[in-house]
Amino acid sequence: MGLLKRSEQGLISRLKAATYWHFAAFLIIISFLVGAFGDQGRDWFKYDRLAIEAGEYWRFVTAHIVHLGKSHLNLNMLGFVLTWLLVGRNYSVPEWIFVTFTAVLIQSLGFWFLDTNMLWYVGMSGLLHGYMIAGAAKGFKTLRTESTVLAGLVVLKLIYEQFSGPLPGSESTSGGSVVVNAHLYGALGGALAALVLWRRDDMRASI
C-alpha cells in the first residue's frame, strides 16, 4: 500500500473517530482566528465578486467563516452552538463536512449566478440555516416532533424574509445588512446534502 493511500485511510479513520463537537470546535476556532485579523482578514477572505473574477476562487468557501466585526462574529458563534445543541449529534464528522461544503457551494453559486449585483458578502448565517435543515431532516426518524417543529420554524423564517426582509432587529444586532438570500441558499444546500446522505443510507440498507 502506497504512502498516499495509507495517509488517506488514516485521515478518514481519524475523522470517523472524531465527535461532532470536535468539528464544531474546529469551525469556531477557525472563525475566531480569522476574526483576529480584523478588517484585513475580512478583506482577504470575504466573497468579493470582482476579486473572484480576477481568479481568487478561495473566496467562494472562506466567505462563510468571515464576519463584519466582533458583534457579528459572536452572534454567529452563539447561533452555531445553539444549532449544534439541537442537531449536532445527527451526523458523523465526515457527514457534517459534506453538509458544510454542499451548503457553502449552493450559497456561493446562488450569489454568483442569481445575485449578480451583490459585490461582497461575509457571515455564517446561511451555513447555519443549512445545518438546521439538514439536521432536522436526519432527525425525522428518531425525533419526529422536534425535527418537524425546527424545520417548520426555519421554513417560516425563510418565507418571512423573502417577502418582508430581515427579521426586526437582526441588522442592528449583527452590525450590518442581512443578506436574506444567503439563508435561503444555505437551507437549500442543507436540504440537498440531507437528500444525498439519505439516498446513500437507503441504498446501503437495501444491499
N, C-alpha and C. Protein backbone atom coordinates (compact mmCIF):
# COMPACT_ATOMS: atom_id res chain seq x y z
N MET A 1 0.85 -1.20 0.00
CA MET A 1 0.00 0.00 0.00
C MET A 1 0.88 1.24 0.00
N GLY A 2 0.60 2.19 -0.89
CA GLY A 2 1.41 3.38 -1.00
C GLY A 2 1.25 4.31 0.18
N LEU A 3 2.22 5.21 0.33
CA LEU A 3 2.20 6.16 1.44
C LEU A 3 0.98 7.08 1.36
N LEU A 4 0.65 7.54 0.16
CA LEU A 4 -0.51 8.42 -0.01
C LEU A 4 -1.79 7.72 0.38
N LYS A 5 -1.92 6.43 -0.01
CA LYS A 5 -3.12 5.68 0.32
C LYS A 5 -3.23 5.46 1.82
N ARG A 6 -2.11 5.15 2.47
CA ARG A 6 -2.15 4.95 3.93
C ARG A 6 -2.50 6.25 4.64
N SER A 7 -1.98 7.38 4.16
CA SER A 7 -2.27 8.67 4.76
C SER A 7 -3.75 9.01 4.62
N GLU A 8 -4.31 8.70 3.43
CA GLU A 8 -5.72 8.95 3.19
C GLU A 8 -6.60 8.12 4.12
N GLN A 9 -6.26 6.84 4.26
CA GLN A 9 -7.04 5.97 5.14
C GLN A 9 -6.91 6.40 6.59
N GLY A 10 -5.71 6.86 6.97
CA GLY A 10 -5.51 7.34 8.34
C GLY A 10 -6.34 8.57 8.63
N LEU A 11 -6.42 9.49 7.66
CA LEU A 11 -7.22 10.70 7.83
C LEU A 11 -8.69 10.35 7.96
N ILE A 12 -9.17 9.44 7.11
CA ILE A 12 -10.57 9.02 7.17
C ILE A 12 -10.89 8.38 8.52
N SER A 13 -9.97 7.56 9.03
CA SER A 13 -10.18 6.90 10.33
C SER A 13 -10.26 7.93 11.45
N ARG A 14 -9.40 8.93 11.40
CA ARG A 14 -9.42 9.97 12.44
C ARG A 14 -10.70 10.79 12.37
N LEU A 15 -11.17 11.07 11.17
CA LEU A 15 -12.41 11.83 11.03
C LEU A 15 -13.60 11.04 11.59
N LYS A 16 -13.61 9.74 11.31
CA LYS A 16 -14.70 8.91 11.81
C LYS A 16 -14.67 8.80 13.33
N ALA A 17 -13.45 8.85 13.90
CA ALA A 17 -13.32 8.73 15.35
C ALA A 17 -13.65 10.03 16.08
N ALA A 18 -13.57 11.16 15.37
CA ALA A 18 -13.85 12.45 16.00
C ALA A 18 -15.34 12.58 16.32
N THR A 19 -15.67 13.36 17.33
CA THR A 19 -17.06 13.62 17.68
C THR A 19 -17.54 14.88 16.97
N TYR A 20 -18.86 15.04 16.92
CA TYR A 20 -19.40 16.22 16.25
C TYR A 20 -19.00 17.50 16.94
N TRP A 21 -18.67 17.43 18.24
CA TRP A 21 -18.20 18.63 18.93
C TRP A 21 -16.78 18.99 18.55
N HIS A 22 -15.99 18.00 18.15
CA HIS A 22 -14.66 18.30 17.62
C HIS A 22 -14.79 19.16 16.36
N PHE A 23 -15.72 18.78 15.50
CA PHE A 23 -15.94 19.52 14.27
C PHE A 23 -16.40 20.94 14.58
N ALA A 24 -17.33 21.07 15.53
CA ALA A 24 -17.82 22.40 15.92
C ALA A 24 -16.69 23.25 16.46
N ALA A 25 -15.85 22.67 17.33
CA ALA A 25 -14.73 23.40 17.91
C ALA A 25 -13.77 23.88 16.83
N PHE A 26 -13.53 23.04 15.83
CA PHE A 26 -12.64 23.40 14.73
C PHE A 26 -13.16 24.63 14.00
N LEU A 27 -14.46 24.64 13.65
CA LEU A 27 -15.03 25.78 12.93
C LEU A 27 -15.02 27.05 13.78
N ILE A 28 -15.30 26.90 15.07
CA ILE A 28 -15.30 28.06 15.96
C ILE A 28 -13.90 28.64 16.07
N ILE A 29 -12.90 27.79 16.24
CA ILE A 29 -11.52 28.26 16.36
C ILE A 29 -11.08 28.97 15.08
N ILE A 30 -11.38 28.36 13.92
CA ILE A 30 -11.02 28.98 12.64
C ILE A 30 -11.69 30.35 12.50
N SER A 31 -12.96 30.43 12.87
CA SER A 31 -13.69 31.70 12.75
C SER A 31 -13.08 32.78 13.62
N PHE A 32 -12.70 32.43 14.85
CA PHE A 32 -12.10 33.42 15.74
C PHE A 32 -10.68 33.79 15.29
N LEU A 33 -9.94 32.83 14.74
CA LEU A 33 -8.60 33.13 14.23
C LEU A 33 -8.67 34.12 13.07
N VAL A 34 -9.59 33.87 12.15
CA VAL A 34 -9.76 34.81 11.03
C VAL A 34 -10.24 36.16 11.55
N GLY A 35 -11.14 36.13 12.53
CA GLY A 35 -11.64 37.37 13.10
C GLY A 35 -10.57 38.19 13.78
N ALA A 36 -9.53 37.51 14.28
CA ALA A 36 -8.45 38.21 14.97
C ALA A 36 -7.67 39.12 14.03
N PHE A 37 -7.74 38.87 12.72
CA PHE A 37 -7.05 39.71 11.75
C PHE A 37 -7.84 40.97 11.40
N GLY A 38 -9.06 41.08 11.95
CA GLY A 38 -9.85 42.29 11.77
C GLY A 38 -10.22 42.58 10.34
N ASP A 39 -10.14 43.86 9.96
CA ASP A 39 -10.53 44.27 8.62
C ASP A 39 -9.68 43.60 7.55
N GLN A 40 -8.41 43.39 7.83
CA GLN A 40 -7.52 42.77 6.86
C GLN A 40 -7.95 41.33 6.55
N GLY A 41 -8.28 40.58 7.62
CA GLY A 41 -8.75 39.22 7.43
C GLY A 41 -10.03 39.17 6.62
N ARG A 42 -10.93 40.11 6.91
CA ARG A 42 -12.19 40.16 6.16
C ARG A 42 -11.92 40.46 4.68
N ASP A 43 -11.00 41.37 4.41
CA ASP A 43 -10.68 41.70 3.02
C ASP A 43 -10.03 40.52 2.29
N TRP A 44 -9.26 39.71 2.99
CA TRP A 44 -8.60 38.56 2.38
C TRP A 44 -9.58 37.46 1.99
N PHE A 45 -10.60 37.26 2.84
CA PHE A 45 -11.41 36.05 2.72
C PHE A 45 -12.87 36.25 2.36
N LYS A 46 -13.37 37.46 2.32
CA LYS A 46 -14.78 37.67 2.04
C LYS A 46 -15.13 37.28 0.60
N TYR A 47 -16.43 37.04 0.37
CA TYR A 47 -16.92 36.88 -1.00
C TYR A 47 -16.82 38.25 -1.66
N ASP A 48 -15.99 38.33 -2.68
CA ASP A 48 -15.77 39.59 -3.40
C ASP A 48 -15.87 39.27 -4.88
N ARG A 49 -16.94 39.70 -5.51
CA ARG A 49 -17.21 39.30 -6.89
C ARG A 49 -16.08 39.72 -7.84
N LEU A 50 -15.59 40.92 -7.67
CA LEU A 50 -14.54 41.40 -8.56
C LEU A 50 -13.23 40.63 -8.34
N ALA A 51 -12.93 40.32 -7.08
CA ALA A 51 -11.71 39.55 -6.80
C ALA A 51 -11.83 38.12 -7.32
N ILE A 52 -13.02 37.54 -7.23
CA ILE A 52 -13.24 36.18 -7.75
C ILE A 52 -13.08 36.18 -9.27
N GLU A 53 -13.60 37.21 -9.91
CA GLU A 53 -13.43 37.33 -11.36
C GLU A 53 -11.96 37.40 -11.75
N ALA A 54 -11.14 37.91 -10.81
CA ALA A 54 -9.69 38.01 -11.06
C ALA A 54 -8.95 36.73 -10.72
N GLY A 55 -9.70 35.69 -10.26
CA GLY A 55 -9.08 34.39 -10.01
C GLY A 55 -8.95 33.99 -8.56
N GLU A 56 -9.47 34.76 -7.62
CA GLU A 56 -9.35 34.44 -6.19
C GLU A 56 -10.52 33.56 -5.76
N TYR A 57 -10.51 32.30 -6.23
CA TYR A 57 -11.66 31.41 -6.08
C TYR A 57 -11.85 30.90 -4.65
N TRP A 58 -10.83 31.00 -3.80
CA TRP A 58 -10.99 30.54 -2.42
C TRP A 58 -12.10 31.29 -1.69
N ARG A 59 -12.42 32.47 -2.18
CA ARG A 59 -13.43 33.30 -1.51
C ARG A 59 -14.82 32.66 -1.54
N PHE A 60 -15.06 31.75 -2.51
CA PHE A 60 -16.33 31.02 -2.54
C PHE A 60 -16.53 30.25 -1.23
N VAL A 61 -15.44 29.77 -0.63
CA VAL A 61 -15.50 28.97 0.59
C VAL A 61 -15.28 29.82 1.83
N THR A 62 -14.24 30.65 1.82
CA THR A 62 -13.84 31.36 3.04
C THR A 62 -14.82 32.45 3.46
N ALA A 63 -15.65 32.91 2.53
CA ALA A 63 -16.60 33.98 2.88
C ALA A 63 -17.52 33.59 4.02
N HIS A 64 -17.71 32.29 4.22
CA HIS A 64 -18.70 31.82 5.18
C HIS A 64 -18.14 31.63 6.60
N ILE A 65 -16.85 31.96 6.77
CA ILE A 65 -16.27 31.94 8.12
C ILE A 65 -15.73 33.32 8.50
N VAL A 66 -16.03 34.33 7.67
CA VAL A 66 -15.59 35.71 7.92
C VAL A 66 -16.80 36.52 8.38
N HIS A 67 -16.54 37.53 9.23
CA HIS A 67 -17.65 38.30 9.79
C HIS A 67 -17.38 39.81 9.73
N LEU A 68 -18.46 40.58 9.90
CA LEU A 68 -18.35 42.03 9.82
C LEU A 68 -17.52 42.63 10.95
N GLY A 69 -17.61 42.03 12.10
CA GLY A 69 -16.91 42.52 13.27
C GLY A 69 -17.16 41.61 14.46
N LYS A 70 -16.77 42.06 15.65
CA LYS A 70 -16.88 41.21 16.84
C LYS A 70 -18.33 40.85 17.16
N SER A 71 -19.24 41.82 17.05
CA SER A 71 -20.64 41.52 17.40
C SER A 71 -21.24 40.51 16.43
N HIS A 72 -20.93 40.65 15.15
CA HIS A 72 -21.42 39.70 14.14
C HIS A 72 -20.82 38.32 14.37
N LEU A 73 -19.53 38.27 14.66
CA LEU A 73 -18.86 37.00 14.94
C LEU A 73 -19.45 36.32 16.16
N ASN A 74 -19.58 37.08 17.26
CA ASN A 74 -20.12 36.49 18.49
C ASN A 74 -21.56 36.01 18.31
N LEU A 75 -22.34 36.75 17.55
CA LEU A 75 -23.73 36.36 17.31
C LEU A 75 -23.79 35.06 16.53
N ASN A 76 -22.97 34.95 15.49
CA ASN A 76 -22.97 33.72 14.69
C ASN A 76 -22.43 32.53 15.47
N MET A 77 -21.42 32.75 16.32
CA MET A 77 -20.88 31.65 17.11
C MET A 77 -21.91 31.17 18.14
N LEU A 78 -22.65 32.10 18.73
CA LEU A 78 -23.71 31.72 19.64
C LEU A 78 -24.78 30.91 18.91
N GLY A 79 -25.14 31.39 17.71
CA GLY A 79 -26.12 30.66 16.91
C GLY A 79 -25.61 29.28 16.52
N PHE A 80 -24.31 29.19 16.24
CA PHE A 80 -23.71 27.91 15.87
C PHE A 80 -23.79 26.92 17.03
N VAL A 81 -23.45 27.36 18.23
CA VAL A 81 -23.50 26.48 19.40
C VAL A 81 -24.93 26.01 19.66
N LEU A 82 -25.88 26.92 19.57
CA LEU A 82 -27.28 26.54 19.79
C LEU A 82 -27.75 25.55 18.72
N THR A 83 -27.34 25.80 17.47
CA THR A 83 -27.69 24.88 16.39
C THR A 83 -27.10 23.50 16.65
N TRP A 84 -25.86 23.48 17.12
CA TRP A 84 -25.18 22.22 17.36
C TRP A 84 -25.82 21.45 18.52
N LEU A 85 -26.30 22.17 19.52
CA LEU A 85 -27.00 21.51 20.62
C LEU A 85 -28.28 20.83 20.11
N LEU A 86 -28.89 21.42 19.10
CA LEU A 86 -30.14 20.88 18.56
C LEU A 86 -29.91 19.71 17.61
N VAL A 87 -28.92 19.85 16.71
CA VAL A 87 -28.81 18.86 15.63
C VAL A 87 -27.42 18.28 15.45
N GLY A 88 -26.45 18.72 16.22
CA GLY A 88 -25.07 18.29 16.01
C GLY A 88 -24.87 16.79 16.05
N ARG A 89 -25.61 16.10 16.90
CA ARG A 89 -25.45 14.65 17.07
C ARG A 89 -26.02 13.86 15.88
N ASN A 90 -26.72 14.51 15.00
CA ASN A 90 -27.44 13.78 13.95
C ASN A 90 -26.55 13.21 12.85
N TYR A 91 -25.34 13.74 12.71
CA TYR A 91 -24.43 13.24 11.67
C TYR A 91 -23.05 13.00 12.25
N SER A 92 -22.28 12.18 11.54
CA SER A 92 -20.88 11.99 11.88
C SER A 92 -20.07 13.17 11.34
N VAL A 93 -18.81 13.28 11.74
CA VAL A 93 -17.96 14.37 11.26
C VAL A 93 -17.82 14.35 9.74
N PRO A 94 -17.51 13.21 9.10
CA PRO A 94 -17.44 13.22 7.63
C PRO A 94 -18.75 13.68 6.98
N GLU A 95 -19.87 13.30 7.57
CA GLU A 95 -21.16 13.72 7.02
C GLU A 95 -21.36 15.22 7.19
N TRP A 96 -20.96 15.77 8.33
CA TRP A 96 -21.08 17.21 8.54
C TRP A 96 -20.17 17.97 7.59
N ILE A 97 -19.01 17.42 7.30
CA ILE A 97 -18.12 18.05 6.32
C ILE A 97 -18.82 18.12 4.96
N PHE A 98 -19.48 17.03 4.59
CA PHE A 98 -20.21 17.02 3.32
C PHE A 98 -21.34 18.04 3.33
N VAL A 99 -22.11 18.11 4.43
CA VAL A 99 -23.18 19.10 4.54
C VAL A 99 -22.61 20.51 4.42
N THR A 100 -21.49 20.75 5.09
CA THR A 100 -20.88 22.08 5.07
C THR A 100 -20.51 22.51 3.67
N PHE A 101 -19.79 21.67 2.96
CA PHE A 101 -19.34 22.05 1.62
C PHE A 101 -20.49 22.14 0.63
N THR A 102 -21.53 21.32 0.81
CA THR A 102 -22.69 21.41 -0.07
C THR A 102 -23.42 22.73 0.16
N ALA A 103 -23.65 23.08 1.43
CA ALA A 103 -24.35 24.33 1.75
C ALA A 103 -23.53 25.54 1.28
N VAL A 104 -22.22 25.50 1.49
CA VAL A 104 -21.35 26.59 1.06
C VAL A 104 -21.36 26.71 -0.46
N LEU A 105 -21.30 25.58 -1.15
CA LEU A 105 -21.29 25.59 -2.61
C LEU A 105 -22.59 26.17 -3.17
N ILE A 106 -23.72 25.73 -2.64
CA ILE A 106 -25.01 26.22 -3.14
C ILE A 106 -25.15 27.71 -2.87
N GLN A 107 -24.71 28.16 -1.69
CA GLN A 107 -24.76 29.59 -1.39
C GLN A 107 -23.94 30.39 -2.39
N SER A 108 -22.69 29.99 -2.56
CA SER A 108 -21.79 30.75 -3.42
C SER A 108 -22.25 30.74 -4.87
N LEU A 109 -22.75 29.60 -5.34
CA LEU A 109 -23.28 29.54 -6.70
C LEU A 109 -24.53 30.40 -6.83
N GLY A 110 -25.35 30.43 -5.77
CA GLY A 110 -26.52 31.30 -5.79
C GLY A 110 -26.14 32.76 -5.89
N PHE A 111 -25.14 33.16 -5.10
CA PHE A 111 -24.65 34.53 -5.18
C PHE A 111 -24.15 34.84 -6.60
N TRP A 112 -23.36 33.91 -7.13
CA TRP A 112 -22.67 34.15 -8.40
C TRP A 112 -23.63 34.24 -9.58
N PHE A 113 -24.60 33.34 -9.63
CA PHE A 113 -25.47 33.27 -10.79
C PHE A 113 -26.79 34.03 -10.63
N LEU A 114 -27.27 34.19 -9.40
CA LEU A 114 -28.57 34.81 -9.18
C LEU A 114 -28.49 36.22 -8.60
N ASP A 115 -27.53 36.46 -7.73
CA ASP A 115 -27.39 37.78 -7.10
C ASP A 115 -26.18 38.50 -7.71
N THR A 116 -26.27 38.75 -8.99
CA THR A 116 -25.12 39.30 -9.72
C THR A 116 -24.78 40.73 -9.32
N ASN A 117 -25.71 41.41 -8.70
CA ASN A 117 -25.44 42.79 -8.27
C ASN A 117 -24.80 42.87 -6.89
N MET A 118 -24.72 41.73 -6.19
CA MET A 118 -24.11 41.70 -4.86
C MET A 118 -22.60 41.59 -5.01
N LEU A 119 -21.89 42.60 -4.58
CA LEU A 119 -20.44 42.64 -4.79
C LEU A 119 -19.66 41.92 -3.70
N TRP A 120 -20.20 41.88 -2.46
CA TRP A 120 -19.45 41.20 -1.41
C TRP A 120 -20.40 40.66 -0.34
N TYR A 121 -19.88 39.69 0.41
CA TYR A 121 -20.67 39.03 1.46
C TYR A 121 -19.73 38.38 2.47
N VAL A 122 -20.15 38.41 3.74
CA VAL A 122 -19.47 37.65 4.79
C VAL A 122 -20.52 37.09 5.75
N GLY A 123 -20.18 36.00 6.44
CA GLY A 123 -21.05 35.51 7.50
C GLY A 123 -21.38 34.03 7.42
N MET A 124 -21.73 33.46 8.57
CA MET A 124 -22.03 32.04 8.69
C MET A 124 -23.52 31.77 8.77
N SER A 125 -24.36 32.79 8.75
CA SER A 125 -25.78 32.58 8.99
C SER A 125 -26.42 31.68 7.95
N GLY A 126 -26.02 31.80 6.69
CA GLY A 126 -26.56 30.91 5.67
C GLY A 126 -26.20 29.47 5.93
N LEU A 127 -24.95 29.25 6.35
CA LEU A 127 -24.50 27.90 6.68
C LEU A 127 -25.28 27.34 7.85
N LEU A 128 -25.58 28.18 8.84
CA LEU A 128 -26.35 27.72 10.00
C LEU A 128 -27.75 27.27 9.58
N HIS A 129 -28.35 27.97 8.63
CA HIS A 129 -29.66 27.53 8.14
C HIS A 129 -29.54 26.17 7.44
N GLY A 130 -28.44 25.98 6.73
CA GLY A 130 -28.21 24.68 6.11
C GLY A 130 -28.06 23.58 7.12
N TYR A 131 -27.33 23.87 8.20
CA TYR A 131 -27.15 22.88 9.27
C TYR A 131 -28.49 22.50 9.89
N MET A 132 -29.33 23.51 10.15
CA MET A 132 -30.61 23.23 10.81
C MET A 132 -31.52 22.38 9.94
N ILE A 133 -31.57 22.70 8.65
CA ILE A 133 -32.42 21.93 7.74
C ILE A 133 -31.90 20.52 7.58
N ALA A 134 -30.59 20.37 7.38
CA ALA A 134 -30.01 19.03 7.22
C ALA A 134 -30.18 18.22 8.49
N GLY A 135 -29.92 18.84 9.64
CA GLY A 135 -30.05 18.14 10.91
C GLY A 135 -31.48 17.73 11.20
N ALA A 136 -32.43 18.62 10.90
CA ALA A 136 -33.83 18.30 11.12
C ALA A 136 -34.28 17.16 10.21
N ALA A 137 -33.79 17.16 8.96
CA ALA A 137 -34.15 16.09 8.03
C ALA A 137 -33.68 14.74 8.55
N LYS A 138 -32.46 14.70 9.08
CA LYS A 138 -31.94 13.44 9.60
C LYS A 138 -32.68 13.01 10.87
N GLY A 139 -33.15 13.99 11.65
CA GLY A 139 -33.79 13.69 12.91
C GLY A 139 -35.22 13.24 12.81
N PHE A 140 -35.83 13.27 11.61
CA PHE A 140 -37.23 12.87 11.46
C PHE A 140 -37.49 11.45 11.93
N LYS A 141 -36.51 10.56 11.78
CA LYS A 141 -36.73 9.16 12.13
C LYS A 141 -36.81 8.94 13.64
N THR A 142 -36.01 9.67 14.39
CA THR A 142 -35.92 9.43 15.83
C THR A 142 -36.60 10.50 16.68
N LEU A 143 -36.61 11.74 16.20
CA LEU A 143 -37.22 12.85 16.93
C LEU A 143 -38.17 13.59 15.99
N ARG A 144 -39.22 12.90 15.59
CA ARG A 144 -40.09 13.43 14.53
C ARG A 144 -40.72 14.76 14.91
N THR A 145 -41.26 14.88 16.12
CA THR A 145 -41.94 16.11 16.51
C THR A 145 -40.98 17.28 16.58
N GLU A 146 -39.86 17.08 17.29
CA GLU A 146 -38.88 18.14 17.45
C GLU A 146 -38.30 18.57 16.10
N SER A 147 -38.01 17.60 15.24
CA SER A 147 -37.44 17.91 13.93
C SER A 147 -38.43 18.64 13.05
N THR A 148 -39.70 18.25 13.12
CA THR A 148 -40.73 18.91 12.34
C THR A 148 -40.89 20.36 12.77
N VAL A 149 -40.88 20.59 14.08
CA VAL A 149 -41.01 21.96 14.60
C VAL A 149 -39.83 22.81 14.15
N LEU A 150 -38.61 22.26 14.27
CA LEU A 150 -37.42 23.00 13.88
C LEU A 150 -37.45 23.35 12.39
N ALA A 151 -37.72 22.34 11.56
CA ALA A 151 -37.77 22.59 10.11
C ALA A 151 -38.87 23.59 9.77
N GLY A 152 -40.01 23.46 10.43
CA GLY A 152 -41.12 24.37 10.18
C GLY A 152 -40.78 25.81 10.53
N LEU A 153 -40.11 26.01 11.65
CA LEU A 153 -39.72 27.36 12.06
C LEU A 153 -38.73 27.97 11.08
N VAL A 154 -37.78 27.16 10.62
CA VAL A 154 -36.80 27.66 9.66
C VAL A 154 -37.49 28.04 8.35
N VAL A 155 -38.40 27.20 7.87
CA VAL A 155 -39.11 27.48 6.62
C VAL A 155 -39.96 28.74 6.76
N LEU A 156 -40.66 28.88 7.88
CA LEU A 156 -41.46 30.09 8.10
C LEU A 156 -40.59 31.34 8.12
N LYS A 157 -39.42 31.24 8.74
CA LYS A 157 -38.48 32.37 8.77
C LYS A 157 -38.02 32.72 7.36
N LEU A 158 -37.72 31.72 6.56
CA LEU A 158 -37.28 31.96 5.19
C LEU A 158 -38.37 32.63 4.37
N ILE A 159 -39.61 32.17 4.53
CA ILE A 159 -40.72 32.77 3.80
C ILE A 159 -40.91 34.23 4.21
N TYR A 160 -40.86 34.48 5.52
CA TYR A 160 -41.00 35.86 6.01
C TYR A 160 -39.92 36.75 5.40
N GLU A 161 -38.67 36.27 5.41
CA GLU A 161 -37.56 37.07 4.91
C GLU A 161 -37.68 37.36 3.42
N GLN A 162 -38.18 36.40 2.66
CA GLN A 162 -38.30 36.61 1.22
C GLN A 162 -39.36 37.65 0.88
N PHE A 163 -40.38 37.76 1.72
CA PHE A 163 -41.46 38.70 1.43
C PHE A 163 -41.35 40.02 2.21
N SER A 164 -40.74 39.96 3.40
CA SER A 164 -40.72 41.15 4.26
C SER A 164 -39.32 41.64 4.61
N GLY A 165 -38.29 40.90 4.21
CA GLY A 165 -36.94 41.31 4.53
C GLY A 165 -36.47 40.72 5.85
N PRO A 166 -35.31 41.16 6.34
CA PRO A 166 -34.72 40.60 7.56
C PRO A 166 -35.65 40.73 8.76
N LEU A 167 -35.50 39.81 9.71
CA LEU A 167 -36.29 39.90 10.94
C LEU A 167 -35.99 41.21 11.66
N PRO A 168 -36.98 41.80 12.30
CA PRO A 168 -36.76 43.06 13.02
C PRO A 168 -35.62 42.94 14.04
N GLY A 169 -34.70 43.87 13.99
CA GLY A 169 -33.60 43.90 14.94
C GLY A 169 -32.37 43.12 14.52
N SER A 170 -32.50 42.29 13.47
CA SER A 170 -31.37 41.44 13.10
C SER A 170 -30.21 42.25 12.52
N GLU A 171 -30.50 43.32 11.79
CA GLU A 171 -29.43 44.12 11.21
C GLU A 171 -28.70 44.94 12.27
N SER A 172 -29.44 45.48 13.22
CA SER A 172 -28.78 46.25 14.28
C SER A 172 -27.95 45.35 15.17
N THR A 173 -28.39 44.11 15.37
CA THR A 173 -27.66 43.17 16.20
C THR A 173 -26.37 42.70 15.54
N SER A 174 -26.44 42.44 14.24
CA SER A 174 -25.27 41.94 13.52
C SER A 174 -24.30 43.04 13.14
N GLY A 175 -24.77 44.28 13.11
CA GLY A 175 -23.89 45.39 12.79
C GLY A 175 -23.77 45.67 11.30
N GLY A 176 -24.72 45.19 10.50
CA GLY A 176 -24.68 45.43 9.06
C GLY A 176 -25.89 44.85 8.38
N SER A 177 -25.93 44.97 7.07
CA SER A 177 -27.07 44.46 6.30
C SER A 177 -27.13 42.94 6.35
N VAL A 178 -28.33 42.41 6.37
CA VAL A 178 -28.55 40.96 6.36
C VAL A 178 -28.93 40.54 4.94
N VAL A 179 -28.19 39.59 4.39
CA VAL A 179 -28.47 39.07 3.05
C VAL A 179 -29.40 37.86 3.22
N VAL A 180 -30.69 38.09 3.06
CA VAL A 180 -31.65 37.02 3.33
C VAL A 180 -31.51 35.86 2.34
N ASN A 181 -31.05 36.14 1.13
CA ASN A 181 -30.88 35.05 0.17
C ASN A 181 -29.80 34.06 0.61
N ALA A 182 -28.85 34.52 1.43
CA ALA A 182 -27.84 33.60 1.97
C ALA A 182 -28.52 32.53 2.81
N HIS A 183 -29.52 32.92 3.58
CA HIS A 183 -30.26 31.97 4.41
C HIS A 183 -31.01 30.97 3.53
N LEU A 184 -31.63 31.48 2.47
CA LEU A 184 -32.38 30.61 1.56
C LEU A 184 -31.45 29.62 0.86
N TYR A 185 -30.35 30.11 0.31
CA TYR A 185 -29.42 29.24 -0.40
C TYR A 185 -28.77 28.22 0.54
N GLY A 186 -28.45 28.68 1.74
CA GLY A 186 -27.86 27.76 2.72
C GLY A 186 -28.82 26.65 3.09
N ALA A 187 -30.09 27.00 3.29
CA ALA A 187 -31.10 26.00 3.63
C ALA A 187 -31.29 25.01 2.48
N LEU A 188 -31.29 25.51 1.25
CA LEU A 188 -31.42 24.61 0.09
C LEU A 188 -30.21 23.68 -0.01
N GLY A 189 -29.02 24.22 0.29
CA GLY A 189 -27.83 23.37 0.29
C GLY A 189 -27.89 22.30 1.36
N GLY A 190 -28.40 22.66 2.54
CA GLY A 190 -28.56 21.68 3.60
C GLY A 190 -29.55 20.60 3.24
N ALA A 191 -30.64 21.01 2.59
CA ALA A 191 -31.66 20.04 2.15
C ALA A 191 -31.09 19.09 1.10
N LEU A 192 -30.31 19.63 0.17
CA LEU A 192 -29.70 18.80 -0.86
C LEU A 192 -28.73 17.80 -0.25
N ALA A 193 -27.90 18.26 0.68
CA ALA A 193 -26.95 17.36 1.35
C ALA A 193 -27.68 16.26 2.10
N ALA A 194 -28.75 16.62 2.81
CA ALA A 194 -29.52 15.63 3.56
C ALA A 194 -30.13 14.59 2.63
N LEU A 195 -30.61 15.04 1.46
CA LEU A 195 -31.19 14.12 0.49
C LEU A 195 -30.14 13.13 -0.03
N VAL A 196 -28.96 13.65 -0.34
CA VAL A 196 -27.88 12.77 -0.84
C VAL A 196 -27.50 11.74 0.22
N LEU A 197 -27.36 12.19 1.46
CA LEU A 197 -26.98 11.27 2.54
C LEU A 197 -28.10 10.27 2.82
N TRP A 198 -29.34 10.71 2.73
CA TRP A 198 -30.47 9.79 2.93
C TRP A 198 -30.50 8.71 1.84
N ARG A 199 -30.26 9.13 0.60
CA ARG A 199 -30.25 8.17 -0.51
C ARG A 199 -29.10 7.17 -0.34
N ARG A 200 -27.95 7.66 0.13
CA ARG A 200 -26.82 6.76 0.36
C ARG A 200 -27.16 5.72 1.42
N ASP A 201 -27.75 6.19 2.53
CA ASP A 201 -28.12 5.25 3.60
C ASP A 201 -29.17 4.27 3.14
N ASP A 202 -30.12 4.76 2.32
CA ASP A 202 -31.19 3.90 1.82
C ASP A 202 -30.63 2.81 0.90
N MET A 203 -29.65 3.18 0.08
CA MET A 203 -29.03 2.22 -0.80
C MET A 203 -28.23 1.17 -0.03
N ARG A 204 -27.53 1.61 1.02
CA ARG A 204 -26.79 0.68 1.85
C ARG A 204 -27.72 -0.30 2.55
N ALA A 205 -28.86 0.20 3.02
CA ALA A 205 -29.80 -0.66 3.75
C ALA A 205 -30.44 -1.70 2.84
N SER A 206 -30.53 -1.39 1.55
CA SER A 206 -31.19 -2.30 0.62
C SER A 206 -30.25 -3.39 0.09
N ILE A 207 -28.95 -3.22 0.37
CA ILE A 207 -27.98 -4.22 -0.12
C ILE A 207 -27.96 -5.45 0.79
